[in-house]
Protein backbone atom coordinates (compact mmCIF):
# COMPACT_ATOMS: atom_id res chain seq x y z
CA MET A 1 47.32 -35.51 -0.08
CA SER A 2 47.08 -32.45 -0.08
CA SER A 3 44.64 -30.39 2.12
CA ARG A 4 43.03 -28.25 -0.83
CA ARG A 5 40.17 -29.81 -1.68
CA ARG A 6 37.79 -28.99 -4.93
CA PHE A 7 34.20 -29.82 -4.57
CA TYR A 8 33.61 -30.52 -8.87
CA ALA A 9 29.92 -29.69 -9.14
CA ARG A 10 28.55 -28.08 -12.21
CA PRO A 11 25.99 -27.82 -13.97
CA LEU A 12 26.39 -29.91 -17.53
CA LEU A 13 23.95 -27.97 -19.70
CA ALA A 14 25.63 -24.49 -18.86
CA THR A 15 29.12 -25.99 -19.21
CA ALA A 16 28.42 -27.75 -22.67
CA ALA A 17 27.51 -24.82 -23.85
CA ALA A 18 30.37 -22.81 -22.55
CA ILE A 19 32.85 -24.57 -24.29
CA ALA A 20 30.87 -25.97 -27.38
CA ALA A 21 33.82 -25.93 -29.34
CA ILE A 22 37.63 -25.82 -30.23
CA THR A 23 37.84 -23.82 -32.41
CA GLY A 24 40.95 -20.68 -32.36
CA VAL A 25 42.84 -22.94 -30.40
CA ALA A 26 46.35 -21.15 -30.00
CA ALA A 27 49.69 -23.20 -29.73
CA THR A 28 50.36 -22.18 -26.54
CA ALA A 29 46.83 -21.83 -24.42
CA PRO A 30 44.35 -24.81 -23.23
CA ALA A 31 41.30 -25.34 -25.25
CA ALA A 32 38.69 -27.00 -23.45
CA THR A 33 37.20 -30.58 -25.44
CA PRO A 34 33.92 -29.61 -26.08
CA LYS A 35 31.25 -31.11 -24.36
CA ASP A 36 27.77 -32.30 -25.50
CA VAL A 37 25.45 -33.96 -23.27
CA THR A 38 22.90 -34.66 -25.81
CA ALA A 39 25.17 -36.08 -28.47
CA ALA A 40 25.33 -39.88 -28.95
CA PRO A 41 26.96 -42.22 -31.50
CA ALA A 42 24.88 -42.67 -34.24
CA SER A 43 25.18 -45.79 -34.66
CA LEU A 44 24.39 -47.01 -31.00
CA THR A 45 20.99 -48.96 -32.26
CA ALA A 46 23.25 -50.92 -34.90
CA LEU A 47 25.98 -51.40 -32.44
CA ASP A 48 23.34 -52.67 -29.12
CA ASP A 49 21.69 -54.97 -31.96
CA THR A 50 25.51 -56.05 -32.90
CA TYR A 51 28.81 -55.64 -31.18
CA TYR A 52 27.29 -55.73 -27.72
CA GLN A 53 23.54 -57.81 -27.77
CA ASP A 54 25.72 -60.38 -25.24
CA ALA A 55 25.73 -58.19 -22.65
CA LEU A 56 22.39 -55.93 -22.67
CA GLY A 57 20.20 -56.53 -19.64
CA LYS A 58 23.09 -57.62 -17.41
CA THR A 59 24.58 -55.93 -14.21
CA GLY A 60 27.28 -56.07 -11.61
CA ALA A 61 30.02 -58.95 -12.39
CA ALA A 62 28.10 -60.69 -15.61
CA LEU A 63 28.00 -57.17 -17.81
CA LYS A 64 31.82 -56.67 -16.77
CA SER A 65 32.55 -60.22 -18.06
CA SER A 66 30.19 -60.20 -20.96
CA LEU A 67 32.35 -56.89 -22.02
CA HIS A 68 35.87 -58.19 -21.38
CA THR A 69 34.84 -60.71 -24.14
CA ILE A 70 33.55 -58.22 -26.07
CA ILE A 71 36.63 -55.69 -26.12
CA SER A 72 38.79 -58.27 -25.87
CA ASP A 73 38.20 -59.04 -29.28
CA GLN A 74 40.74 -56.68 -30.80
CA THR A 75 44.11 -55.80 -33.16
CA LYS A 76 47.08 -55.18 -31.23
CA LEU A 77 49.45 -52.04 -32.63
CA SER A 78 53.16 -51.85 -31.88
CA TYR A 79 54.49 -49.64 -29.36
CA SER A 80 55.85 -47.40 -32.54
CA GLN A 81 52.21 -47.53 -33.90
CA VAL A 82 51.04 -45.54 -31.59
CA TRP A 83 52.72 -42.72 -32.71
CA ASP A 84 50.66 -42.43 -36.05
CA ALA A 85 47.38 -43.48 -34.26
CA LEU A 86 47.39 -41.02 -32.19
CA LYS A 87 48.12 -38.73 -35.19
CA ALA A 88 44.65 -39.47 -36.16
CA THR A 89 42.44 -40.21 -33.25
CA ASP A 90 43.51 -36.75 -31.12
CA GLU A 91 43.44 -34.81 -34.49
CA ASP A 92 42.27 -31.46 -33.54
CA PRO A 93 38.48 -30.81 -35.73
CA SER A 94 39.70 -27.32 -36.24
CA ASN A 95 42.84 -28.09 -37.92
CA SER A 96 43.62 -31.38 -38.89
CA SER A 97 47.62 -30.93 -39.07
CA ASN A 98 47.15 -30.96 -35.32
CA VAL A 99 46.92 -32.98 -32.41
CA ILE A 100 44.52 -31.99 -29.04
CA LEU A 101 47.32 -32.90 -26.31
CA LEU A 102 44.92 -34.77 -22.86
CA TYR A 103 45.98 -32.46 -20.09
CA THR A 104 46.94 -29.06 -21.55
CA GLY A 105 44.04 -29.22 -23.91
CA ARG A 106 46.66 -27.31 -26.41
CA SER A 107 46.41 -27.82 -30.44
CA GLN A 108 50.35 -28.85 -31.44
CA SER A 109 51.23 -29.82 -34.60
CA LYS A 110 51.31 -33.64 -35.18
CA SER A 111 55.37 -33.15 -36.09
CA ASP A 112 56.17 -32.29 -32.80
CA ASN A 113 56.17 -35.61 -31.43
CA GLY A 114 59.10 -36.60 -29.92
CA GLY A 115 60.88 -36.66 -26.08
CA SER A 116 62.35 -33.18 -26.48
CA THR A 117 60.99 -29.93 -24.01
CA GLY A 118 57.78 -28.54 -25.97
CA ASP A 119 57.35 -31.80 -27.90
CA TRP A 120 54.10 -34.28 -27.15
CA ASN A 121 54.90 -37.84 -26.43
CA ARG A 122 52.53 -40.50 -25.54
CA GLU A 123 50.72 -40.80 -22.13
CA HIS A 124 49.67 -43.46 -20.43
CA VAL A 125 46.58 -42.69 -18.40
CA TRP A 126 46.41 -46.17 -16.77
CA ALA A 127 50.14 -45.26 -15.76
CA LYS A 128 52.55 -48.50 -17.15
CA SER A 129 53.96 -49.12 -13.91
CA HIS A 130 50.70 -49.56 -12.11
CA GLY A 131 50.83 -53.74 -13.74
CA ASP A 132 54.11 -53.30 -14.57
CA PHE A 133 53.09 -54.00 -17.94
CA GLY A 134 55.46 -51.24 -20.06
CA THR A 135 55.18 -50.32 -23.32
CA ALA A 136 54.75 -54.41 -24.36
CA THR A 137 52.26 -54.91 -26.93
CA GLY A 138 48.70 -55.28 -24.81
CA PRO A 139 47.96 -52.44 -22.36
CA GLY A 140 51.51 -50.95 -22.83
CA THR A 141 49.92 -50.04 -26.43
CA ASP A 142 46.29 -49.88 -26.45
CA ILE A 143 45.35 -46.58 -27.71
CA HIS A 144 42.06 -46.60 -25.66
CA HIS A 145 43.84 -44.99 -22.73
CA LEU A 146 47.25 -43.83 -24.47
CA ARG A 147 46.85 -40.16 -25.29
CA PRO A 148 49.05 -37.24 -27.16
CA GLU A 149 50.50 -35.21 -24.10
CA ASP A 150 53.16 -32.30 -23.54
CA VAL A 151 56.39 -34.30 -22.42
CA GLN A 152 56.56 -32.58 -19.64
CA VAL A 153 53.05 -32.22 -17.79
CA ASN A 154 53.55 -35.94 -18.61
CA SER A 155 56.31 -36.11 -16.54
CA ILE A 156 54.95 -33.76 -13.78
CA ARG A 157 51.65 -36.60 -14.16
CA GLY A 158 54.41 -39.71 -13.74
CA ASN A 159 52.25 -42.79 -12.54
CA LYS A 160 50.13 -40.62 -9.85
CA ASP A 161 46.52 -41.92 -9.20
CA PHE A 162 43.68 -39.75 -9.70
CA ASP A 163 42.24 -37.41 -6.72
CA ASN A 164 41.15 -33.89 -6.14
CA GLY A 165 43.22 -31.50 -4.84
CA GLY A 166 47.09 -30.31 -4.97
CA SER A 167 48.86 -27.59 -6.59
CA ALA A 168 48.61 -25.83 -10.19
CA VAL A 169 50.60 -27.56 -12.60
CA SER A 170 53.20 -25.47 -14.56
CA GLY A 171 52.06 -24.88 -18.39
CA ALA A 172 48.62 -26.98 -17.70
CA PRO A 173 45.92 -24.47 -16.32
CA GLY A 174 42.98 -26.54 -14.75
CA ASN A 175 45.08 -29.27 -13.71
CA TYR A 176 46.38 -30.05 -10.32
CA THR A 177 48.79 -32.40 -8.52
CA ASP A 178 50.23 -33.77 -5.24
CA GLY A 179 52.76 -36.31 -4.12
CA ASP A 180 49.86 -39.10 -4.76
CA SER A 181 47.81 -37.78 -7.10
CA PHE A 182 46.81 -36.19 -10.13
CA GLU A 183 43.89 -34.11 -11.08
CA PRO A 184 42.70 -33.16 -14.72
CA ARG A 185 41.58 -30.20 -16.04
CA ASP A 186 37.37 -30.60 -15.66
CA ALA A 187 36.98 -30.58 -19.41
CA ILE A 188 38.34 -34.20 -19.80
CA LYS A 189 38.11 -35.47 -15.99
CA GLY A 190 35.16 -38.09 -17.45
CA ASP A 191 37.40 -39.01 -20.38
CA VAL A 192 39.92 -39.85 -17.85
CA ALA A 193 37.91 -41.97 -16.03
CA ARG A 194 35.96 -44.05 -18.89
CA MET A 195 39.92 -44.77 -20.41
CA ILE A 196 40.77 -45.81 -16.35
CA LEU A 197 37.51 -48.55 -16.64
CA TYR A 198 37.96 -49.65 -19.91
CA MET A 199 41.29 -50.65 -18.94
CA ALA A 200 39.90 -52.49 -15.84
CA VAL A 201 37.36 -54.45 -17.97
CA ARG A 202 39.60 -54.66 -21.07
CA TYR A 203 42.92 -56.25 -19.11
CA GLU A 204 41.28 -59.32 -16.56
CA GLY A 205 44.55 -61.48 -16.33
CA ASP A 206 43.97 -63.88 -18.59
CA ASP A 207 46.28 -62.96 -21.72
CA ALA A 208 49.55 -62.81 -19.60
CA PHE A 209 49.05 -59.53 -18.01
CA ALA A 210 48.17 -58.55 -14.90
CA ASP A 211 44.46 -57.94 -13.83
CA LEU A 212 43.85 -54.60 -13.93
CA GLU A 213 41.91 -52.72 -10.82
CA PRO A 214 40.48 -49.68 -10.10
CA ASN A 215 40.30 -48.93 -6.28
CA ASP A 216 39.95 -46.28 -3.82
CA SER A 217 43.14 -45.50 -2.57
CA VAL A 218 46.16 -43.76 -4.11
CA SER A 219 50.31 -44.70 -3.78
CA ASN A 220 49.33 -47.86 -5.43
CA GLY A 221 52.62 -47.92 -6.19
CA SER A 222 53.36 -51.03 -8.84
CA ALA A 223 50.29 -53.16 -7.96
CA PRO A 224 47.88 -53.46 -11.06
CA ASN A 225 45.28 -50.57 -9.11
CA ILE A 226 44.40 -47.23 -10.02
CA GLY A 227 42.22 -45.14 -7.77
CA ARG A 228 40.38 -43.48 -6.17
CA LEU A 229 37.75 -45.16 -7.72
CA SER A 230 34.43 -43.37 -5.88
CA VAL A 231 36.31 -40.01 -7.67
CA LEU A 232 36.22 -41.34 -11.25
CA LYS A 233 32.66 -42.69 -10.71
CA GLN A 234 31.90 -39.00 -9.91
CA TRP A 235 34.01 -37.17 -13.02
CA SER A 236 32.42 -39.75 -15.72
CA GLN A 237 28.90 -38.84 -14.02
CA GLU A 238 29.62 -35.23 -14.21
CA ASP A 239 31.75 -34.91 -17.30
CA PRO A 240 29.27 -36.92 -19.51
CA PRO A 241 30.99 -38.40 -23.08
CA ASP A 242 31.71 -35.24 -26.14
CA SER A 243 31.52 -35.53 -29.68
CA PHE A 244 35.68 -35.44 -29.33
CA GLU A 245 35.31 -38.69 -26.95
CA GLN A 246 33.02 -40.45 -29.20
CA HIS A 247 34.91 -39.66 -32.64
CA ARG A 248 37.68 -40.85 -31.15
CA ASN A 249 35.94 -44.54 -29.84
CA ASP A 250 34.94 -44.43 -33.67
CA VAL A 251 38.28 -44.01 -35.17
CA ILE A 252 39.80 -46.71 -32.79
CA PHE A 253 37.16 -49.02 -33.45
CA ASP A 254 37.11 -48.62 -37.75
CA ALA A 255 40.34 -48.14 -38.63
CA TYR A 256 42.92 -49.16 -35.45
CA GLN A 257 41.90 -52.14 -32.93
CA HIS A 258 38.84 -52.46 -33.81
CA ASN A 259 37.49 -52.48 -30.82
CA ARG A 260 35.18 -49.98 -28.29
CA ASN A 261 35.11 -48.52 -25.00
CA PRO A 262 32.17 -49.37 -23.36
CA PHE A 263 31.88 -46.33 -21.52
CA ILE A 264 31.69 -44.10 -23.89
CA ASP A 265 28.74 -45.73 -25.75
CA HIS A 266 26.65 -46.81 -22.56
CA PRO A 267 28.44 -44.48 -19.42
CA GLU A 268 25.59 -45.68 -17.22
CA TRP A 269 27.37 -48.67 -17.25
CA VAL A 270 30.06 -47.42 -14.98
CA GLU A 271 27.36 -47.31 -12.27
CA ALA A 272 25.76 -50.75 -13.44
CA ILE A 273 29.61 -52.47 -12.65
CA TRP A 274 31.01 -50.57 -9.67
């Protein structure tokens, strides 16, 4: 780890007011995903009465096991289908022709997807080498943790664990990296944490893939682990779900995989399990 250490603690209500919209995003400028700490899925009560009914009232291993059973009931996409899915899940609410890139925050044309410099491609937030699942249908194509990202920034992040610290990432203001970790911009720290924890609940080693688990380490290499758990928990608490993240969860549920990230609907379950 770099000796640089950023203590990430900001007043949530002040932050929410300061970045309340994505409007006017230029293709070359970072856009803060809007954070509304009062927002909640309109159908949460209905979801608790139906989708989550078997998980309510549980904690620890029992909650994790129950959620695993619930969210494992899903439609699986091919890796090629992910391209079109991301154009819907990550659509810029201010410009339906664009998607919002995860780390840069840039609003970019949906048609600029590919592998060339300046394009966006498919970022595996849970790095695919951590468990060696590649792009296989299952964890390798699960759009709850696949996001559009600038090709070069995706390469810079690589398969690094998540932690605070490092040097500024070129072309992605607010992101930092060093030899063993990557720190995303403040506006999506919680999003990253909840994607990682979703993967840890969804993939428990009972479907021909590795048992994915977070730990408090970096440099996990090819082990089916990603860290640091203590930092991810902090990020989830300090950057709660916003309307963009909630809408994305709804689109995945309604139109694509038909399962949900429970930590977006119930962020308090992070602490209840870990």
